[in-house]
Amino acid sequence: MALKGKGFTAGQQVQGKVTYPGYEHVVLKLSIERVEPERLLSWRWHPAAIDASVDYSHEPTTLVVFELGDAQGGTLLSVVETGFDELPPARRAEVFRLNSSGWTTQMQSIEKYLARP
């Protein structure tokens, strides 16, 4: 995915088209919260905003935090997403399910990428 905007700077808005199969119609929009180079990146977004006919802008956002930390023999990457309890009850469970599965897939992709020779 190519993100467009002014960059990963706190307070900036970035967006890009999703390239994951089945979701190519989605334009991902992020509001960057914090950037600590080589340690932390966090953003707010409207999670699982995948139906082009729905205006998600009135819904609360969740906060996603990617963080690197020291670990025995290497580096630990963690991703935590919070704020699901603020989402509309009718969408909350499905959004949580989709995002939990999505983050698992993303972490596996990162692990595969890092294992390449």
PDB file of N, CA and C in Angstrom:
ATOM      1  N   MET A   1       0.838  -1.165   0.000  1.00  0.00           N
ATOM      2  CA  MET A   1       0.000   0.000   0.000  1.00  0.00           C
ATOM      3  C   MET A   1       0.884   1.229   0.000  1.00  0.00           C
ATOM      4  N   ALA A   2       0.572   2.156  -0.841  1.00  0.00           N
ATOM      5  CA  ALA A   2       1.284   3.433  -0.879  1.00  0.00           C
ATOM      6  C   ALA A   2       0.447   4.459  -0.142  1.00  0.00           C
ATOM      7  N   LEU A   3       1.017   5.037   0.905  1.00  0.00           N
ATOM      8  CA  LEU A   3       0.313   6.055   1.670  1.00  0.00           C
ATOM      9  C   LEU A   3       0.659   7.427   1.131  1.00  0.00           C
ATOM     10  N   LYS A   4      -0.356   8.273   1.039  1.00  0.00           N
ATOM     11  CA  LYS A   4      -0.146   9.632   0.553  1.00  0.00           C
ATOM     12  C   LYS A   4      -0.450  10.606   1.677  1.00  0.00           C
ATOM     13  N   GLY A   5       0.282  11.653   1.764  1.00  0.00           N
ATOM     14  CA  GLY A   5       0.077  12.670   2.783  1.00  0.00           C
ATOM     15  C   GLY A   5       1.411  13.334   3.048  1.00  0.00           C
ATOM     16  N   LYS A   6       1.483  14.037   4.131  1.00  0.00           N
ATOM     17  CA  LYS A   6       2.710  14.757   4.462  1.00  0.00           C
ATOM     18  C   LYS A   6       3.706  13.890   5.227  1.00  0.00           C
ATOM     19  N   GLY A   7       3.343  12.660   5.546  1.00  0.00           N
ATOM     20  CA  GLY A   7       4.287  11.768   6.176  1.00  0.00           C
ATOM     21  C   GLY A   7       3.866  11.349   7.566  1.00  0.00           C
ATOM     22  N   PHE A   8       4.707  10.565   8.153  1.00  0.00           N
ATOM     23  CA  PHE A   8       4.437  10.067   9.494  1.00  0.00           C
ATOM     24  C   PHE A   8       4.954  11.061  10.518  1.00  0.00           C
ATOM     25  N   THR A   9       4.177  12.109  10.700  1.00  0.00           N
ATOM     26  CA  THR A   9       4.461  13.149  11.675  1.00  0.00           C
ATOM     27  C   THR A   9       3.210  13.312  12.528  1.00  0.00           C
ATOM     28  N   ALA A  10       3.382  13.411  13.835  1.00  0.00           N
ATOM     29  CA  ALA A  10       2.225  13.561  14.716  1.00  0.00           C
ATOM     30  C   ALA A  10       1.325  14.679  14.223  1.00  0.00           C
ATOM     31  N   GLY A  11       0.034  14.395  14.174  1.00  0.00           N
ATOM     32  CA  GLY A  11      -0.948  15.367  13.737  1.00  0.00           C
ATOM     33  C   GLY A  11      -1.260  15.331  12.253  1.00  0.00           C
ATOM     34  N   GLN A  12      -0.481  14.614  11.480  1.00  0.00           N
ATOM     35  CA  GLN A  12      -0.694  14.559  10.039  1.00  0.00           C
ATOM     36  C   GLN A  12      -1.720  13.477   9.684  1.00  0.00           C
ATOM     37  N   GLN A  13      -2.382  13.690   8.557  1.00  0.00           N
ATOM     38  CA  GLN A  13      -3.319  12.724   7.991  1.00  0.00           C
ATOM     39  C   GLN A  13      -2.626  12.050   6.807  1.00  0.00           C
ATOM     40  N   VAL A  14      -2.722  10.731   6.713  1.00  0.00           N
ATOM     41  CA  VAL A  14      -2.192  10.006   5.566  1.00  0.00           C
ATOM     42  C   VAL A  14      -3.265   9.041   5.078  1.00  0.00           C
ATOM     43  N   GLN A  15      -3.194   8.700   3.805  1.00  0.00           N
ATOM     44  CA  GLN A  15      -4.150   7.736   3.263  1.00  0.00           C
ATOM     45  C   GLN A  15      -3.518   6.958   2.130  1.00  0.00           C
ATOM     46  N   GLY A  16      -4.081   5.792   1.868  1.00  0.00           N
ATOM     47  CA  GLY A  16      -3.609   4.962   0.776  1.00  0.00           C
ATOM     48  C   GLY A  16      -4.593   3.860   0.470  1.00  0.00           C
ATOM     49  N   LYS A  17      -4.498   3.328  -0.730  1.00  0.00           N
ATOM     50  CA  LYS A  17      -5.370   2.227  -1.145  1.00  0.00           C
ATOM     51  C   LYS A  17      -4.853   0.917  -0.574  1.00  0.00           C
ATOM     52  N   VAL A  18      -5.756   0.116  -0.064  1.00  0.00           N
ATOM     53  CA  VAL A  18      -5.421  -1.204   0.457  1.00  0.00           C
ATOM     54  C   VAL A  18      -5.173  -2.135  -0.729  1.00  0.00           C
ATOM     55  N   THR A  19      -4.142  -2.962  -0.640  1.00  0.00           N
ATOM     56  CA  THR A  19      -3.817  -3.899  -1.713  1.00  0.00           C
ATOM     57  C   THR A  19      -4.092  -5.350  -1.327  1.00  0.00           C
ATOM     58  N   TYR A  20      -4.578  -5.585  -0.110  1.00  0.00           N
ATOM     59  CA  TYR A  20      -4.864  -6.941   0.340  1.00  0.00           C
ATOM     60  C   TYR A  20      -6.040  -7.498  -0.469  1.00  0.00           C
ATOM     61  N   PRO A  21      -5.905  -8.735  -0.992  1.00  0.00           N
ATOM     62  CA  PRO A  21      -6.964  -9.305  -1.835  1.00  0.00           C
ATOM     63  C   PRO A  21      -8.344  -9.259  -1.171  1.00  0.00           C
ATOM     64  N   GLY A  22      -9.297  -8.737  -1.929  1.00  0.00           N
ATOM     65  CA  GLY A  22     -10.664  -8.618  -1.455  1.00  0.00           C
ATOM     66  C   GLY A  22     -10.990  -7.264  -0.849  1.00  0.00           C
ATOM     67  N   TYR A  23      -9.954  -6.477  -0.572  1.00  0.00           N
ATOM     68  CA  TYR A  23     -10.158  -5.172   0.056  1.00  0.00           C
ATOM     69  C   TYR A  23      -9.569  -4.036  -0.781  1.00  0.00           C
ATOM     70  N   GLU A  24      -9.342  -4.288  -2.049  1.00  0.00           N
ATOM     71  CA  GLU A  24      -8.720  -3.289  -2.924  1.00  0.00           C
ATOM     72  C   GLU A  24      -9.573  -2.025  -3.088  1.00  0.00           C
ATOM     73  N   HIS A  25     -10.837  -2.105  -2.775  1.00  0.00           N
ATOM     74  CA  HIS A  25     -11.741  -0.950  -2.880  1.00  0.00           C
ATOM     75  C   HIS A  25     -11.614   0.007  -1.688  1.00  0.00           C
ATOM     76  N   VAL A  26     -10.888  -0.402  -0.656  1.00  0.00           N
ATOM     77  CA  VAL A  26     -10.793   0.377   0.587  1.00  0.00           C
ATOM     78  C   VAL A  26      -9.671   1.406   0.499  1.00  0.00           C
ATOM     79  N   VAL A  27      -9.980   2.625   0.910  1.00  0.00           N
ATOM     80  CA  VAL A  27      -8.963   3.663   1.074  1.00  0.00           C
ATOM     81  C   VAL A  27      -8.749   3.818   2.573  1.00  0.00           C
ATOM     82  N   LEU A  28      -7.548   3.500   3.010  1.00  0.00           N
ATOM     83  CA  LEU A  28      -7.186   3.565   4.421  1.00  0.00           C
ATOM     84  C   LEU A  28      -6.802   4.993   4.767  1.00  0.00           C
ATOM     85  N   LYS A  29      -7.438   5.550   5.808  1.00  0.00           N
ATOM     86  CA  LYS A  29      -7.140   6.911   6.255  1.00  0.00           C
ATOM     87  C   LYS A  29      -6.689   6.852   7.705  1.00  0.00           C
ATOM     88  N   LEU A  30      -5.504   7.396   7.952  1.00  0.00           N
ATOM     89  CA  LEU A  30      -4.914   7.376   9.293  1.00  0.00           C
ATOM     90  C   LEU A  30      -4.636   8.789   9.774  1.00  0.00           C
ATOM     91  N   SER A  31      -4.796   8.983  11.063  1.00  0.00           N
ATOM     92  CA  SER A  31      -4.407  10.223  11.712  1.00  0.00           C
ATOM     93  C   SER A  31      -3.252   9.873  12.652  1.00  0.00           C
ATOM     94  N   ILE A  32      -2.057  10.318  12.294  1.00  0.00           N
ATOM     95  CA  ILE A  32      -0.861   9.945  13.059  1.00  0.00           C
ATOM     96  C   ILE A  32      -0.894  10.619  14.432  1.00  0.00           C
ATOM     97  N   GLU A  33      -0.722   9.820  15.471  1.00  0.00           N
ATOM     98  CA  GLU A  33      -0.728  10.313  16.852  1.00  0.00           C
ATOM     99  C   GLU A  33       0.686  10.587  17.368  1.00  0.00           C
ATOM    100  N   ARG A  34       1.525   9.562  17.312  1.00  0.00           N
ATOM    101  CA  ARG A  34       2.890   9.680  17.847  1.00  0.00           C
ATOM    102  C   ARG A  34       3.868   8.986  16.924  1.00  0.00           C
ATOM    103  N   VAL A  35       5.051   9.566  16.819  1.00  0.00           N
ATOM    104  CA  VAL A  35       6.145   8.955  16.078  1.00  0.00           C
ATOM    105  C   VAL A  35       7.403   9.108  16.916  1.00  0.00           C
ATOM    106  N   GLU A  36       7.987   7.991  17.270  1.00  0.00           N
ATOM    107  CA  GLU A  36       9.287   7.971  17.931  1.00  0.00           C
ATOM    108  C   GLU A  36      10.148   7.051  17.077  1.00  0.00           C
ATOM    109  N   PRO A  37      10.969   7.625  16.180  1.00  0.00           N
ATOM    110  CA  PRO A  37      11.722   6.812  15.220  1.00  0.00           C
ATOM    111  C   PRO A  37      12.421   5.615  15.864  1.00  0.00           C
ATOM    112  N   GLU A  38      12.280   4.490  15.170  1.00  0.00           N
ATOM    113  CA  GLU A  38      12.883   3.224  15.562  1.00  0.00           C
ATOM    114  C   GLU A  38      12.392   2.710  16.912  1.00  0.00           C
ATOM    115  N   ARG A  39      11.221   3.223  17.399  1.00  0.00           N
ATOM    116  CA  ARG A  39      10.663   2.747  18.648  1.00  0.00           C
ATOM    117  C   ARG A  39       9.138   2.644  18.655  1.00  0.00           C
ATOM    118  N   LEU A  40       8.427   3.649  18.122  1.00  0.00           N
ATOM    119  CA  LEU A  40       6.981   3.663  18.274  1.00  0.00           C
ATOM    120  C   LEU A  40       6.309   4.440  17.142  1.00  0.00           C
ATOM    121  N   LEU A  41       5.186   3.893  16.684  1.00  0.00           N
ATOM    122  CA  LEU A  41       4.326   4.577  15.721  1.00  0.00           C
ATOM    123  C   LEU A  41       2.895   4.302  16.153  1.00  0.00           C
ATOM    124  N   SER A  42       2.099   5.363  16.301  1.00  0.00           N
ATOM    125  CA  SER A  42       0.691   5.158  16.645  1.00  0.00           C
ATOM    126  C   SER A  42      -0.188   6.037  15.780  1.00  0.00           C
ATOM    127  N   TRP A  43      -1.398   5.548  15.544  1.00  0.00           N
ATOM    128  CA  TRP A  43      -2.369   6.295  14.743  1.00  0.00           C
ATOM    129  C   TRP A  43      -3.783   5.983  15.200  1.00  0.00           C
ATOM    130  N   ARG A  44      -4.693   6.844  14.781  1.00  0.00           N
ATOM    131  CA  ARG A  44      -6.132   6.635  14.974  1.00  0.00           C
ATOM    132  C   ARG A  44      -6.742   6.380  13.603  1.00  0.00           C
ATOM    133  N   TRP A  45      -7.778   5.546  13.610  1.00  0.00           N
ATOM    134  CA  TRP A  45      -8.479   5.239  12.368  1.00  0.00           C
ATOM    135  C   TRP A  45      -9.871   4.742  12.674  1.00  0.00           C
ATOM    136  N   HIS A  46     -10.657   4.626  11.611  1.00  0.00           N
ATOM    137  CA  HIS A  46     -11.968   4.015  11.709  1.00  0.00           C
ATOM    138  C   HIS A  46     -11.777   2.554  11.311  1.00  0.00           C
ATOM    139  N   PRO A  47     -11.738   1.656  12.284  1.00  0.00           N
ATOM    140  CA  PRO A  47     -11.434   0.262  11.984  1.00  0.00           C
ATOM    141  C   PRO A  47     -12.546  -0.431  11.200  1.00  0.00           C
ATOM    142  N   ALA A  48     -12.119  -1.342  10.338  1.00  0.00           N
ATOM    143  CA  ALA A  48     -13.049  -2.146   9.522  1.00  0.00           C
ATOM    144  C   ALA A  48     -14.016  -1.265   8.749  1.00  0.00           C
ATOM    145  N   ALA A  49     -13.529  -0.137   8.272  1.00  0.00           N
ATOM    146  CA  ALA A  49     -14.337   0.769   7.448  1.00  0.00           C
ATOM    147  C   ALA A  49     -14.241   0.296   6.002  1.00  0.00           C
ATOM    148  N   ILE A  50     -14.889  -0.825   5.727  1.00  0.00           N
ATOM    149  CA  ILE A  50     -14.688  -1.519   4.454  1.00  0.00           C
ATOM    150  C   ILE A  50     -15.878  -1.449   3.499  1.00  0.00           C
ATOM    151  N   ASP A  51     -16.998  -0.933   3.961  1.00  0.00           N
ATOM    152  CA  ASP A  51     -18.183  -0.820   3.107  1.00  0.00           C
ATOM    153  C   ASP A  51     -18.210   0.580   2.515  1.00  0.00           C
ATOM    154  N   ALA A  52     -17.979   0.693   1.213  1.00  0.00           N
ATOM    155  CA  ALA A  52     -17.894   1.992   0.549  1.00  0.00           C
ATOM    156  C   ALA A  52     -19.198   2.787   0.622  1.00  0.00           C
ATOM    157  N   SER A  53     -20.304   2.130   0.907  1.00  0.00           N
ATOM    158  CA  SER A  53     -21.584   2.830   0.972  1.00  0.00           C
ATOM    159  C   SER A  53     -21.887   3.399   2.366  1.00  0.00           C
ATOM    160  N   VAL A  54     -20.994   3.180   3.328  1.00  0.00           N
ATOM    161  CA  VAL A  54     -21.205   3.636   4.707  1.00  0.00           C
ATOM    162  C   VAL A  54     -20.273   4.799   5.022  1.00  0.00           C
ATOM    163  N   ASP A  55     -20.804   5.828   5.685  1.00  0.00           N
ATOM    164  CA  ASP A  55     -20.001   6.952   6.161  1.00  0.00           C
ATOM    165  C   ASP A  55     -19.612   6.662   7.610  1.00  0.00           C
ATOM    166  N   TYR A  56     -18.347   6.318   7.825  1.00  0.00           N
ATOM    167  CA  TYR A  56     -17.866   5.968   9.155  1.00  0.00           C
ATOM    168  C   TYR A  56     -17.380   7.189   9.935  1.00  0.00           C
ATOM    169  N   SER A  57     -17.385   8.360   9.319  1.00  0.00           N
ATOM    170  CA  SER A  57     -16.774   9.537   9.929  1.00  0.00           C
ATOM    171  C   SER A  57     -17.427   9.955  11.254  1.00  0.00           C
ATOM    172  N   HIS A  58     -18.654   9.560  11.493  1.00  0.00           N
ATOM    173  CA  HIS A  58     -19.341   9.914  12.737  1.00  0.00           C
ATOM    174  C   HIS A  58     -18.975   8.970  13.883  1.00  0.00           C
ATOM    175  N   GLU A  59     -18.332   7.853  13.572  1.00  0.00           N
ATOM    176  CA  GLU A  59     -17.969   6.880  14.603  1.00  0.00           C
ATOM    177  C   GLU A  59     -16.672   7.279  15.298  1.00  0.00           C
ATOM    178  N   PRO A  60     -16.511   6.848  16.553  1.00  0.00           N
ATOM    179  CA  PRO A  60     -15.227   7.057  17.224  1.00  0.00           C
ATOM    180  C   PRO A  60     -14.132   6.258  16.516  1.00  0.00           C
ATOM    181  N   THR A  61     -12.903   6.649  16.724  1.00  0.00           N
ATOM    182  CA  THR A  61     -11.757   5.931  16.170  1.00  0.00           C
ATOM    183  C   THR A  61     -11.155   5.029  17.231  1.00  0.00           C
ATOM    184  N   THR A  62     -10.345   4.092  16.783  1.00  0.00           N
ATOM    185  CA  THR A  62      -9.525   3.315  17.712  1.00  0.00           C
ATOM    186  C   THR A  62      -8.087   3.799  17.580  1.00  0.00           C
ATOM    187  N   LEU A  63      -7.271   3.448  18.557  1.00  0.00           N
ATOM    188  CA  LEU A  63      -5.860   3.817  18.569  1.00  0.00           C
ATOM    189  C   LEU A  63      -5.022   2.562  18.364  1.00  0.00           C
ATOM    190  N   VAL A  64      -4.140   2.599  17.369  1.00  0.00           N
ATOM    191  CA  VAL A  64      -3.235   1.489  17.072  1.00  0.00           C
ATOM    192  C   VAL A  64      -1.817   1.936  17.438  1.00  0.00           C
ATOM    193  N   VAL A  65      -1.118   1.094  18.201  1.00  0.00           N
ATOM    194  CA  VAL A  65       0.251   1.409  18.617  1.00  0.00           C
ATOM    195  C   VAL A  65       1.166   0.253  18.229  1.00  0.00           C
ATOM    196  N   PHE A  66       2.129   0.549  17.366  1.00  0.00           N
ATOM    197  CA  PHE A  66       3.214  -0.382  17.053  1.00  0.00           C
ATOM    198  C   PHE A  66       4.407   0.060  17.884  1.00  0.00           C
ATOM    199  N   GLU A  67       5.005  -0.883  18.621  1.00  0.00           N
ATOM    200  CA  GLU A  67       6.127  -0.522  19.483  1.00  0.00           C
ATOM    201  C   GLU A  67       7.213  -1.585  19.433  1.00  0.00           C
ATOM    202  N   LEU A  68       8.449  -1.135  19.324  1.00  0.00           N
ATOM    203  CA  LEU A  68       9.611  -2.017  19.380  1.00  0.00           C
ATOM    204  C   LEU A  68      10.207  -1.957  20.772  1.00  0.00           C
ATOM    205  N   GLY A  69      10.609  -3.116  21.274  1.00  0.00           N
ATOM    206  CA  GLY A  69      11.240  -3.191  22.587  1.00  0.00           C
ATOM    207  C   GLY A  69      12.336  -4.230  22.584  1.00  0.00           C
ATOM    208  N   ASP A  70      13.171  -4.167  23.579  1.00  0.00           N
ATOM    209  CA  ASP A  70      14.243  -5.145  23.715  1.00  0.00           C
ATOM    210  C   ASP A  70      13.674  -6.489  24.156  1.00  0.00           C
ATOM    211  N   ALA A  71      14.259  -7.543  23.626  1.00  0.00           N
ATOM    212  CA  ALA A  71      13.890  -8.904  23.995  1.00  0.00           C
ATOM    213  C   ALA A  71      15.158  -9.741  23.992  1.00  0.00           C
ATOM    214  N   GLN A  72      15.155 -10.800  24.754  1.00  0.00           N
ATOM    215  CA  GLN A  72      16.325 -11.660  24.805  1.00  0.00           C
ATOM    216  C   GLN A  72      16.637 -12.167  23.401  1.00  0.00           C
ATOM    217  N   GLY A  73      17.813 -11.854  22.910  1.00  0.00           N
ATOM    218  CA  GLY A  73      18.249 -12.305  21.605  1.00  0.00           C
ATOM    219  C   GLY A  73      17.703 -11.515  20.438  1.00  0.00           C
ATOM    220  N   GLY A  74      17.044 -10.396  20.693  1.00  0.00           N
ATOM    221  CA  GLY A  74      16.515  -9.650  19.554  1.00  0.00           C
ATOM    222  C   GLY A  74      15.640  -8.485  19.945  1.00  0.00           C
ATOM    223  N   THR A  75      14.634  -8.282  19.134  1.00  0.00           N
ATOM    224  CA  THR A  75      13.709  -7.163  19.305  1.00  0.00           C
ATOM    225  C   THR A  75      12.287  -7.696  19.299  1.00  0.00           C
ATOM    226  N   LEU A  76      11.458  -7.136  20.150  1.00  0.00           N
ATOM    227  CA  LEU A  76      10.054  -7.526  20.232  1.00  0.00           C
ATOM    228  C   LEU A  76       9.209  -6.441  19.586  1.00  0.00           C
ATOM    229  N   LEU A  77       8.352  -6.823  18.653  1.00  0.00           N
ATOM    230  CA  LEU A  77       7.390  -5.911  18.039  1.00  0.00           C
ATOM    231  C   LEU A  77       6.028  -6.233  18.630  1.00  0.00           C
ATOM    232  N   SER A  78       5.390  -5.215  19.186  1.00  0.00           N
ATOM    233  CA  SER A  78       4.029  -5.419  19.685  1.00  0.00           C
ATOM    234  C   SER A  78       3.092  -4.464  18.964  1.00  0.00           C
ATOM    235  N   VAL A  79       1.855  -4.906  18.795  1.00  0.00           N
ATOM    236  CA  VAL A  79       0.811  -4.058  18.246  1.00  0.00           C
ATOM    237  C   VAL A  79      -0.392  -4.176  19.175  1.00  0.00           C
ATOM    238  N   VAL A  80      -0.887  -3.023  19.590  1.00  0.00           N
ATOM    239  CA  VAL A  80      -2.046  -2.977  20.486  1.00  0.00           C
ATOM    240  C   VAL A  80      -3.048  -1.989  19.901  1.00  0.00           C
ATOM    241  N   GLU A  81      -4.292  -2.421  19.820  1.00  0.00           N
ATOM    242  CA  GLU A  81      -5.354  -1.540  19.358  1.00  0.00           C
ATOM    243  C   GLU A  81      -6.385  -1.408  20.469  1.00  0.00           C
ATOM    244  N   THR A  82      -6.715  -0.174  20.821  1.00  0.00           N
ATOM    245  CA  THR A  82      -7.666   0.087  21.897  1.00  0.00           C
ATOM    246  C   THR A  82      -8.788   0.993  21.409  1.00  0.00           C
ATOM    247  N   GLY A  83      -9.873   0.995  22.163  1.00  0.00           N
ATOM    248  CA  GLY A  83     -10.992   1.872  21.869  1.00  0.00           C
ATOM    249  C   GLY A  83     -12.209   1.162  21.311  1.00  0.00           C
ATOM    250  N   PHE A  84     -12.181  -0.157  21.257  1.00  0.00           N
ATOM    251  CA  PHE A  84     -13.313  -0.902  20.702  1.00  0.00           C
ATOM    252  C   PHE A  84     -14.597  -0.677  21.506  1.00  0.00           C
ATOM    253  N   ASP A  85     -14.448  -0.434  22.807  1.00  0.00           N
ATOM    254  CA  ASP A  85     -15.625  -0.244  23.650  1.00  0.00           C
ATOM    255  C   ASP A  85     -16.405   1.022  23.307  1.00  0.00           C
ATOM    256  N   GLU A  86     -15.792   1.930  22.554  1.00  0.00           N
ATOM    257  CA  GLU A  86     -16.468   3.166  22.151  1.00  0.00           C
ATOM    258  C   GLU A  86     -17.209   3.025  20.813  1.00  0.00           C
ATOM    259  N   LEU A  87     -16.960   1.943  20.106  1.00  0.00           N
ATOM    260  CA  LEU A  87     -17.605   1.736  18.800  1.00  0.00           C
ATOM    261  C   LEU A  87     -19.081   1.416  18.977  1.00  0.00           C
ATOM    262  N   PRO A  88     -19.890   1.663  17.950  1.00  0.00           N
ATOM    263  CA  PRO A  88     -21.319   1.332  18.041  1.00  0.00           C
ATOM    264  C   PRO A  88     -21.496  -0.153  18.364  1.00  0.00           C
ATOM    265  N   PRO A  89     -22.356  -0.473  19.318  1.00  0.00           N
ATOM    266  CA  PRO A  89     -22.557  -1.874  19.719  1.00  0.00           C
ATOM    267  C   PRO A  89     -22.855  -2.807  18.554  1.00  0.00           C
ATOM    268  N   ALA A  90     -23.574  -2.332  17.548  1.00  0.00           N
ATOM    269  CA  ALA A  90     -23.934  -3.188  16.414  1.00  0.00           C
ATOM    270  C   ALA A  90     -22.723  -3.620  15.592  1.00  0.00           C
ATOM    271  N   ARG A  91     -21.620  -2.850  15.655  1.00  0.00           N
ATOM    272  CA  ARG A  91     -20.417  -3.173  14.872  1.00  0.00           C
ATOM    273  C   ARG A  91     -19.272  -3.718  15.721  1.00  0.00           C
ATOM    274  N   ARG A  92     -19.323  -3.505  17.013  1.00  0.00           N
ATOM    275  CA  ARG A  92     -18.180  -3.753  17.902  1.00  0.00           C
ATOM    276  C   ARG A  92     -17.593  -5.166  17.777  1.00  0.00           C
ATOM    277  N   ALA A  93     -18.391  -6.200  17.916  1.00  0.00           N
ATOM    278  CA  ALA A  93     -17.881  -7.572  17.897  1.00  0.00           C
ATOM    279  C   ALA A  93     -17.259  -7.927  16.554  1.00  0.00           C
ATOM    280  N   GLU A  94     -17.922  -7.533  15.466  1.00  0.00           N
ATOM    281  CA  GLU A  94     -17.409  -7.858  14.131  1.00  0.00           C
ATOM    282  C   GLU A  94     -16.108  -7.097  13.846  1.00  0.00           C
ATOM    283  N   VAL A  95     -16.040  -5.832  14.236  1.00  0.00           N
ATOM    284  CA  VAL A  95     -14.810  -5.053  14.044  1.00  0.00           C
ATOM    285  C   VAL A  95     -13.669  -5.677  14.830  1.00  0.00           C
ATOM    286  N   PHE A  96     -13.934  -6.062  16.065  1.00  0.00           N
ATOM    287  CA  PHE A  96     -12.893  -6.692  16.883  1.00  0.00           C
ATOM    288  C   PHE A  96     -12.414  -7.991  16.239  1.00  0.00           C
ATOM    289  N   ARG A  97     -13.347  -8.802  15.753  1.00  0.00           N
ATOM    290  CA  ARG A  97     -12.985 -10.065  15.107  1.00  0.00           C
ATOM    291  C   ARG A  97     -12.137  -9.816  13.866  1.00  0.00           C
ATOM    292  N   LEU A  98     -12.579  -8.895  13.011  1.00  0.00           N
ATOM    293  CA  LEU A  98     -11.826  -8.601  11.792  1.00  0.00           C
ATOM    294  C   LEU A  98     -10.431  -8.066  12.104  1.00  0.00           C
ATOM    295  N   ASN A  99     -10.342  -7.146  13.050  1.00  0.00           N
ATOM    296  CA  ASN A  99      -9.041  -6.561  13.356  1.00  0.00           C
ATOM    297  C   ASN A  99      -8.118  -7.548  14.051  1.00  0.00           C
ATOM    298  N   SER A 100      -8.647  -8.368  14.936  1.00  0.00           N
ATOM    299  CA  SER A 100      -7.805  -9.381  15.587  1.00  0.00           C
ATOM    300  C   SER A 100      -7.196 -10.308  14.546  1.00  0.00           C
ATOM    301  N   SER A 101      -8.022 -10.772  13.623  1.00  0.00           N
ATOM    302  CA  SER A 101      -7.538 -11.632  12.545  1.00  0.00           C
ATOM    303  C   SER A 101      -6.549 -10.880  11.655  1.00  0.00           C
ATOM    304  N   GLY A 102      -6.865  -9.629  11.339  1.00  0.00           N
ATOM    305  CA  GLY A 102      -5.995  -8.826  10.476  1.00  0.00           C
ATOM    306  C   GLY A 102      -4.630  -8.583  11.087  1.00  0.00           C
ATOM    307  N   TRP A 103      -4.592  -8.252  12.388  1.00  0.00           N
ATOM    308  CA  TRP A 103      -3.287  -8.008  13.022  1.00  0.00           C
ATOM    309  C   TRP A 103      -2.472  -9.290  13.106  1.00  0.00           C
ATOM    310  N   THR A 104      -3.134 -10.420  13.318  1.00  0.00           N
ATOM    311  CA  THR A 104      -2.413 -11.698  13.321  1.00  0.00           C
ATOM    312  C   THR A 104      -1.762 -11.923  11.959  1.00  0.00           C
ATOM    313  N   THR A 105      -2.521 -11.689  10.886  1.00  0.00           N
ATOM    314  CA  THR A 105      -1.992 -11.844   9.533  1.00  0.00           C
ATOM    315  C   THR A 105      -0.836 -10.885   9.283  1.00  0.00           C
ATOM    316  N   GLN A 106      -0.984  -9.627   9.702  1.00  0.00           N
ATOM    317  CA  GLN A 106       0.083  -8.643   9.488  1.00  0.00           C
ATOM    318  C   GLN A 106       1.360  -9.030  10.244  1.00  0.00           C
ATOM    319  N   MET A 107       1.221  -9.487  11.465  1.00  0.00           N
ATOM    320  CA  MET A 107       2.402  -9.884  12.249  1.00  0.00           C
ATOM    321  C   MET A 107       3.084 -11.103  11.608  1.00  0.00           C
ATOM    322  N   GLN A 108       2.300 -12.032  11.072  1.00  0.00           N
ATOM    323  CA  GLN A 108       2.883 -13.179  10.367  1.00  0.00           C
ATOM    324  C   GLN A 108       3.626 -12.719   9.117  1.00  0.00           C
ATOM    325  N   SER A 109       3.074 -11.747   8.414  1.00  0.00           N
ATOM    326  CA  SER A 109       3.739 -11.215   7.217  1.00  0.00           C
ATOM    327  C   SER A 109       5.068 -10.551   7.585  1.00  0.00           C
ATOM    328  N   ILE A 110       5.085  -9.815   8.668  1.00  0.00           N
ATOM    329  CA  ILE A 110       6.325  -9.171   9.124  1.00  0.00           C
ATOM    330  C   ILE A 110       7.350 -10.229   9.513  1.00  0.00           C
ATOM    331  N   GLU A 111       6.901 -11.250  10.217  1.00  0.00           N
ATOM    332  CA  GLU A 111       7.801 -12.339  10.621  1.00  0.00           C
ATOM    333  C   GLU A 111       8.404 -13.030   9.396  1.00  0.00           C
ATOM    334  N   LYS A 112       7.593 -13.318   8.385  1.00  0.00           N
ATOM    335  CA  LYS A 112       8.096 -13.936   7.148  1.00  0.00           C
ATOM    336  C   LYS A 112       9.103 -13.025   6.459  1.00  0.00           C
ATOM    337  N   TYR A 113       8.780 -11.747   6.389  1.00  0.00           N
ATOM    338  CA  TYR A 113       9.686 -10.781   5.744  1.00  0.00           C
ATOM    339  C   TYR A 113      11.044 -10.757   6.452  1.00  0.00           C
ATOM    340  N   LEU A 114      11.033 -10.732   7.760  1.00  0.00           N
ATOM    341  CA  LEU A 114      12.277 -10.664   8.511  1.00  0.00           C
ATOM    342  C   LEU A 114      13.084 -11.954   8.466  1.00  0.00           C
ATOM    343  N   ALA A 115      12.411 -13.072   8.180  1.00  0.00           N
ATOM    344  CA  ALA A 115      13.098 -14.368   8.121  1.00  0.00           C
ATOM    345  C   ALA A 115      13.775 -14.606   6.774  1.00  0.00           C
ATOM    346  N   ARG A 116      13.504 -13.728   5.797  1.00  0.00           N
ATOM    347  CA  ARG A 116      14.111 -13.905   4.476  1.00  0.00           C
ATOM    348  C   ARG A 116      15.618 -13.727   4.566  1.00  0.00           C
ATOM    349  N   PRO A 117      16.361 -14.490   3.701  1.00  0.00           N
ATOM    350  CA  PRO A 117      17.829 -14.349   3.716  1.00  0.00           C
ATOM    351  C   PRO A 117      18.276 -13.009   3.155  1.00  0.00           C
TER     352      PRO A 117
END
